[in-house]
Amino acid sequence: MLLSHLASLFAAHPFAQSVGFCAAGIGMLAFTQRDPQRLRRFMMFYSLLIGSHYFLLGSVPAATSTWICCLRNIVALRKRRTWIMCLFLLLVWIVGIAQITAPIQWLAILGTTLGTIAVFRENGTQMRLLMLSSSCCWVIHNLVIGSIGGAFIEGSFMLVNGSFLLRFARTRPCPANHS
């Protein structure tokens, strides 16, 4: 039943779903990066592709949010100032909220908000935790709108990012108990 449903979603939008799968490959490579700057670069390319995927599926708020993410990631590679983050948040909220036509689309705005805070204000574990929260929003959004590649990649982000966080937590020494 699940496979037939996925096949029908693919048959309805083969080009859009193919773009989504390409984005999925780039996105999975992103979370294998140890260097935060390389992670941001990969996420920039991922955002460009997945935004095109959403646009082809007809989800304009999701496309707009992810294209803004692409621009955000380019800027965050060079400047990580709070005021720039606030400009991107306002841009996402003004442009994205104006395009919302269904309640599920709010998750795209929330996911983008969390991701924006992550790339501008955080590094390491905190950045990855916020990105994990962002992925949760996007997985639900993608399942509801029928984005196979989007649901697959965000679910993969959750697994890869989560396993990285678990491995990192296991390798960190436990703080001494000061009694």
Foldseek 3Di string as FASTA:
>chain_A
DVVVLLVVLCVVQVVLLVLLQVLLVLLLVLLVDPDLLSSLVSLLVSLQSNLSSCVSLPNNLLSVLSPLSNVLSVVLSPAQDPVVLVVSLVVNCVVNVVPDDDPLSVLSNVLSNLQSCLSRPHDDPSSLVSNLVSLVSQLVSCVVSVRPSSNVRSVSSNVSSVVVNVVVVVPDDDDDDDD
